Amino acid sequence: MNTIVLTEEHFDENGYFKDESFYNEITGRYEFNGNVEVKVNRFICFNKYIYSEGNISSEGNISSEGNISSKGNIFSEGNISSKGNISSKGNIFSKGNIFSKGNISSEWNIYSEGNIYSKGNIYSKGNISSEGNIYSKGNISIEGNISSEGNIYSEGNISSKGNIFSKGNISSEGNIYSKGNIFSEGNISIEGNILLNKKPLIMISNIGSRNESSFFYLTEENGIMVRCGCYFDSIDNFEIKVKEVHEDNQFANEYLNTIEYIKKMYEYYKSIEVQK
């Protein structure tokens, strides 16, 4: 695969890309049929969608008014920022911050020596790691591990098939779920409720009339909070609701036995020390 090297001559005095020979009027984007190396160590910006069949790498920042998309890796010695989506079939790596007004997605890993911020969703088939904060206004969904030297925050759900680790706080307005361990040197919270660090939640699958998962969040001060579909309330109110809706049928028995188990485990987890 050939390499296209972009130098000062490809950008105007304000740093905007000016070589329209790469512009495809049909797709409405700059297209590079190979790897792209930006040999410019100052502010640069592509004022349209940028797409590469190979890798995109820069000695400075990578900035786009549209999407940044690569079939390879995206690497920057500075920041990576987009007013659209940032997507890669490989890794996304930045020695600065990664910022997107859309989604950030990778078929491999996402790593930043700064912060990772998305106004959409963040998704990776690998790991996501930041030496700063990880923030999403959507969901954070990772098939590997999530780790941050700062805080991890989502206005949606935080889910990982690996471990979730933060040296700061972990906070979500939706659900927090991990097939591995969840550990924070700060607080773990959901909708303002601080969770037990030693065991923040218990998930029970294939239960009730919806035959789906219910999340039981074990809080430090507010008892047990329950997320069942769109429902979110205390376990005591959840128990009342179950009896009202299901009376004494199969689903009532599934929920009520689960509630009894969760309450016992909550008392147990409150009594033990955190095992790191």
Protein backbone atom coordinates (compact mmCIF):
# COMPACT_ATOMS: atom_id res chain seq x y z
CA MET A 1 0.00 0.00 0.00
CA ASN A 2 1.36 3.42 -0.97
CA THR A 3 1.87 6.28 1.47
CA ILE A 4 0.59 9.81 0.85
CA VAL A 5 2.69 12.40 2.65
CA LEU A 6 0.97 15.70 3.39
CA THR A 7 3.28 18.66 3.99
CA GLU A 8 2.93 22.42 4.44
CA GLU A 9 2.11 22.88 0.76
CA HIS A 10 -1.17 20.97 1.24
CA PHE A 11 -2.47 23.42 3.86
CA ASP A 12 -3.21 27.14 3.77
CA GLU A 13 -1.87 29.75 6.18
CA ASN A 14 -4.73 29.02 8.62
CA GLY A 15 -3.99 25.30 8.62
CA TYR A 16 -6.93 24.19 6.43
CA PHE A 17 -6.38 21.45 3.87
CA LYS A 18 -6.48 22.96 0.37
CA ASP A 19 -5.57 20.15 -2.03
CA GLU A 20 -8.91 19.49 -3.74
CA SER A 21 -7.38 16.77 -5.94
CA PHE A 22 -8.20 14.34 -3.13
CA TYR A 23 -11.84 15.44 -2.93
CA ASN A 24 -14.52 13.06 -4.25
CA GLU A 25 -17.65 15.01 -5.20
CA ILE A 26 -19.78 11.86 -5.25
CA THR A 27 -18.97 10.80 -1.66
CA GLY A 28 -18.36 14.35 -0.41
CA ARG A 29 -15.11 13.50 1.31
CA TYR A 30 -11.33 13.64 0.99
CA GLU A 31 -10.23 10.13 0.00
CA PHE A 32 -6.74 8.72 0.33
CA ASN A 33 -6.09 5.33 -1.30
CA GLY A 34 -3.26 4.40 1.02
CA ASN A 35 -1.65 5.49 4.27
CA VAL A 36 -1.70 9.19 5.17
CA GLU A 37 1.24 10.81 6.94
CA VAL A 38 0.86 14.45 7.94
CA LYS A 39 4.30 16.05 8.25
CA VAL A 40 3.04 19.34 9.64
CA ASN A 41 3.67 20.26 13.25
CA ARG A 42 1.03 22.98 13.69
CA PHE A 43 -2.74 23.31 13.78
CA ILE A 44 -4.30 21.65 10.73
CA CYS A 45 -7.92 20.97 9.85
CA PHE A 46 -9.75 19.09 7.14
CA ASN A 47 -12.94 21.05 6.46
CA LYS A 48 -14.61 17.96 5.04
CA TYR A 49 -14.96 14.26 5.89
CA ILE A 50 -11.54 12.51 5.71
CA TYR A 51 -11.29 8.85 4.71
CA SER A 52 -8.25 6.60 4.34
CA GLU A 53 -7.84 3.05 3.03
CA GLY A 54 -4.79 2.75 5.28
CA ASN A 55 -3.44 4.47 8.38
CA ILE A 56 -3.75 8.13 9.29
CA SER A 57 -0.81 9.54 11.25
CA SER A 58 0.25 13.04 12.17
CA GLU A 59 3.21 14.72 13.83
CA GLY A 60 0.78 17.30 15.20
CA ASN A 61 -3.00 17.38 15.62
CA ILE A 62 -5.62 15.73 13.44
CA SER A 63 -8.76 17.85 13.16
CA SER A 64 -11.79 17.57 10.89
CA GLU A 65 -15.00 19.51 10.36
CA GLY A 66 -16.56 16.19 9.35
CA ASN A 67 -15.83 12.53 10.10
CA ILE A 68 -12.41 10.92 10.44
CA SER A 69 -12.49 7.36 9.14
CA SER A 70 -9.69 4.86 8.55
CA LYS A 71 -9.42 1.22 7.49
CA GLY A 72 -6.16 1.16 9.43
CA ASN A 73 -4.93 2.96 12.54
CA ILE A 74 -5.34 6.59 13.52
CA PHE A 75 -2.28 8.01 15.29
CA SER A 76 -1.49 11.54 16.43
CA GLU A 77 1.38 13.12 18.32
CA GLY A 78 -1.15 15.76 19.38
CA ASN A 79 -4.96 15.82 19.63
CA ILE A 80 -7.52 14.04 17.49
CA SER A 81 -10.73 16.04 17.13
CA SER A 82 -13.78 15.80 14.92
CA LYS A 83 -17.10 17.60 14.57
CA GLY A 84 -18.42 14.28 13.29
CA ASN A 85 -17.48 10.68 14.09
CA ILE A 86 -14.04 9.16 14.61
CA SER A 87 -13.88 5.54 13.44
CA SER A 88 -11.07 3.09 12.78
CA LYS A 89 -10.78 -0.54 11.71
CA GLY A 90 -7.55 -0.55 13.71
CA ASN A 91 -6.36 1.36 16.78
CA ILE A 92 -6.98 4.98 17.73
CA PHE A 93 -3.98 6.44 19.55
CA SER A 94 -3.33 9.99 20.67
CA LYS A 95 -0.57 11.61 22.70
CA GLY A 96 -3.06 14.38 23.40
CA ASN A 97 -6.86 14.36 23.71
CA ILE A 98 -9.44 12.55 21.61
CA PHE A 99 -12.58 14.64 21.08
CA SER A 100 -15.65 13.96 18.97
CA LYS A 101 -19.02 15.64 18.58
CA GLY A 102 -20.24 12.30 17.26
CA ASN A 103 -19.24 8.72 18.07
CA ILE A 104 -15.78 7.25 18.68
CA SER A 105 -15.41 3.65 17.53
CA SER A 106 -12.54 1.22 16.99
CA GLU A 107 -12.21 -2.39 15.89
CA TRP A 108 -9.14 -2.61 18.15
CA ASN A 109 -8.03 -0.35 21.00
CA ILE A 110 -8.55 3.30 21.92
CA TYR A 111 -5.76 5.00 23.87
CA SER A 112 -5.11 8.57 24.88
CA GLU A 113 -2.41 10.23 26.96
CA GLY A 114 -4.99 12.95 27.61
CA ASN A 115 -8.79 12.86 27.84
CA ILE A 116 -11.30 10.95 25.73
CA TYR A 117 -14.54 12.87 25.17
CA SER A 118 -17.53 12.03 23.01
CA LYS A 119 -20.89 13.72 22.58
CA GLY A 120 -22.11 10.41 21.18
CA ASN A 121 -21.20 6.81 22.01
CA ILE A 122 -17.78 5.27 22.58
CA TYR A 123 -17.29 1.71 21.30
CA SER A 124 -14.28 -0.58 21.02
CA LYS A 125 -13.77 -4.26 20.28
CA GLY A 126 -10.55 -4.02 22.27
CA ASN A 127 -9.57 -1.95 25.30
CA ILE A 128 -10.04 1.73 26.04
CA SER A 129 -7.44 3.48 28.17
CA SER A 130 -6.87 7.10 29.13
CA GLU A 131 -4.31 8.89 31.26
CA GLY A 132 -6.99 11.52 31.79
CA ASN A 133 -10.78 11.27 31.91
CA ILE A 134 -13.19 9.25 29.79
CA TYR A 135 -16.48 11.04 29.17
CA SER A 136 -19.46 10.18 26.98
CA LYS A 137 -22.88 11.74 26.54
CA GLY A 138 -24.01 8.41 25.15
CA ASN A 139 -22.99 4.87 26.04
CA ILE A 140 -19.52 3.51 26.69
CA SER A 141 -19.45 -0.05 25.36
CA ILE A 142 -16.15 -1.92 25.38
CA GLU A 143 -15.46 -5.58 24.67
CA GLY A 144 -12.16 -5.42 26.53
CA ASN A 145 -11.09 -3.41 29.58
CA ILE A 146 -11.89 0.18 30.51
CA SER A 147 -9.18 1.98 32.44
CA SER A 148 -8.64 5.61 33.37
CA GLU A 149 -6.15 7.55 35.43
CA GLY A 150 -8.96 10.06 35.97
CA ASN A 151 -12.75 9.75 36.00
CA ILE A 152 -15.07 7.62 33.88
CA TYR A 153 -18.46 9.21 33.25
CA SER A 154 -21.38 8.40 30.97
CA GLU A 155 -24.83 9.92 30.56
CA GLY A 156 -25.83 6.52 29.21
CA ASN A 157 -24.58 3.02 30.09
CA ILE A 158 -21.06 1.87 30.89
CA SER A 159 -20.46 -1.76 29.90
CA SER A 160 -17.37 -3.92 29.58
CA LYS A 161 -16.72 -7.58 28.87
CA GLY A 162 -13.48 -7.13 30.80
CA ASN A 163 -12.61 -5.02 33.84
CA ILE A 164 -13.48 -1.42 34.66
CA PHE A 165 -10.81 0.50 36.58
CA SER A 166 -10.48 4.14 37.53
CA LYS A 167 -8.13 6.11 39.75
CA GLY A 168 -10.92 8.67 40.01
CA ASN A 169 -14.68 8.23 40.05
CA ILE A 170 -16.91 5.99 37.94
CA SER A 171 -20.32 7.51 37.32
CA SER A 172 -23.26 6.68 35.06
CA GLU A 173 -26.77 8.00 34.52
CA GLY A 174 -27.67 4.57 33.10
CA ASN A 175 -26.38 1.11 33.99
CA ILE A 176 -22.86 0.01 34.91
CA TYR A 177 -22.02 -3.55 33.91
CA SER A 178 -18.86 -5.62 33.71
CA LYS A 179 -18.14 -9.32 33.18
CA GLY A 180 -14.92 -8.72 35.10
CA ASN A 181 -14.18 -6.54 38.11
CA ILE A 182 -15.23 -2.96 38.77
CA PHE A 183 -12.82 -0.97 40.91
CA SER A 184 -12.37 2.71 41.64
CA GLU A 185 -9.99 4.58 43.92
CA GLY A 186 -12.74 7.20 44.12
CA ASN A 187 -16.49 6.65 44.13
CA ILE A 188 -18.66 4.47 41.93
CA SER A 189 -22.07 6.05 41.46
CA ILE A 190 -25.26 5.69 39.47
CA GLU A 191 -27.78 8.52 39.23
CA GLY A 192 -26.08 10.19 42.20
CA ASN A 193 -26.09 7.08 44.41
CA ILE A 194 -22.61 6.12 45.64
CA LEU A 195 -22.13 2.35 45.37
CA LEU A 196 -20.20 -0.10 47.51
CA ASN A 197 -16.69 -0.29 46.06
CA LYS A 198 -16.32 -3.89 47.20
CA LYS A 199 -19.43 -5.01 45.28
CA PRO A 200 -21.25 -2.23 43.43
CA LEU A 201 -23.93 -4.31 41.74
CA ILE A 202 -25.52 -7.69 41.21
CA MET A 203 -27.11 -8.52 37.87
CA ILE A 204 -29.76 -11.25 37.61
CA SER A 205 -30.56 -12.46 34.09
CA ASN A 206 -33.60 -14.13 32.51
CA ILE A 207 -36.03 -13.08 35.18
CA GLY A 208 -39.61 -11.82 35.30
CA SER A 209 -42.21 -11.23 32.62
CA ARG A 210 -39.64 -9.58 30.33
CA ASN A 211 -37.19 -12.50 30.70
CA GLU A 212 -34.35 -9.99 30.75
CA SER A 213 -31.72 -8.73 33.17
CA SER A 214 -32.40 -6.75 36.32
CA PHE A 215 -29.65 -4.68 37.98
CA PHE A 216 -29.43 -4.35 41.75
CA TYR A 217 -27.12 -1.50 42.81
CA LEU A 218 -25.70 -1.75 46.33
CA THR A 219 -25.27 1.80 47.62
CA GLU A 220 -23.31 3.18 50.55
CA GLU A 221 -26.16 5.21 52.08
CA ASN A 222 -29.40 4.62 50.15
CA GLY A 223 -29.79 0.87 50.43
CA ILE A 224 -30.40 -1.11 47.25
CA MET A 225 -31.53 0.57 44.04
CA VAL A 226 -33.13 -1.48 41.25
CA ARG A 227 -33.00 -0.99 37.50
CA CYS A 228 -35.57 -3.19 35.74
CA GLY A 229 -36.22 -2.02 32.18
CA CYS A 230 -37.14 1.67 32.46
CA TYR A 231 -37.95 1.29 36.17
CA PHE A 232 -35.43 2.70 38.69
CA ASP A 233 -36.25 2.92 42.39
CA SER A 234 -35.44 1.47 45.81
CA ILE A 235 -35.72 -2.28 46.35
CA ASP A 236 -38.55 -1.76 48.86
CA ASN A 237 -40.63 0.17 46.33
CA PHE A 238 -39.72 -2.41 43.69
CA GLU A 239 -41.05 -5.17 45.96
CA ILE A 240 -44.35 -3.29 46.40
CA LYS A 241 -44.61 -2.80 42.63
CA VAL A 242 -43.97 -6.51 41.96
CA LYS A 243 -46.77 -7.53 44.32
CA GLU A 244 -49.15 -5.02 42.75
CA VAL A 245 -48.45 -6.12 39.18
CA HIS A 246 -47.84 -9.86 39.53
CA GLU A 247 -49.70 -10.75 42.76
CA ASP A 248 -48.71 -14.41 43.34
CA ASN A 249 -47.82 -15.68 39.87
CA GLN A 250 -44.54 -17.18 38.58
CA PHE A 251 -42.96 -13.80 37.93
CA ALA A 252 -43.79 -12.54 41.41
CA ASN A 253 -42.05 -15.57 42.90
CA GLU A 254 -38.97 -15.05 40.70
CA TYR A 255 -38.68 -11.41 41.71
CA LEU A 256 -39.49 -11.88 45.41
CA ASN A 257 -36.98 -14.70 45.87
CA THR A 258 -34.38 -12.60 44.08
CA ILE A 259 -35.14 -9.63 46.34
CA GLU A 260 -34.63 -11.81 49.43
CA TYR A 261 -31.28 -13.03 48.08
CA ILE A 262 -30.11 -9.52 47.15
CA LYS A 263 -30.96 -8.13 50.59
CA LYS A 264 -28.96 -10.91 52.31
CA MET A 265 -25.94 -10.37 50.04
CA TYR A 266 -26.12 -6.60 50.58
CA GLU A 267 -25.74 -7.06 54.34
CA TYR A 268 -22.85 -9.47 53.73
CA TYR A 269 -20.96 -7.17 51.33
CA LYS A 270 -21.33 -4.23 53.73
CA SER A 271 -19.58 -6.26 56.41
CA ILE A 272 -16.46 -7.33 54.48
CA GLU A 273 -13.28 -5.49 53.53
CA VAL A 274 -12.52 -4.48 49.95
CA GLN A 275 -10.44 -7.16 48.20
CA LYS A 276 -8.20 -5.45 45.62
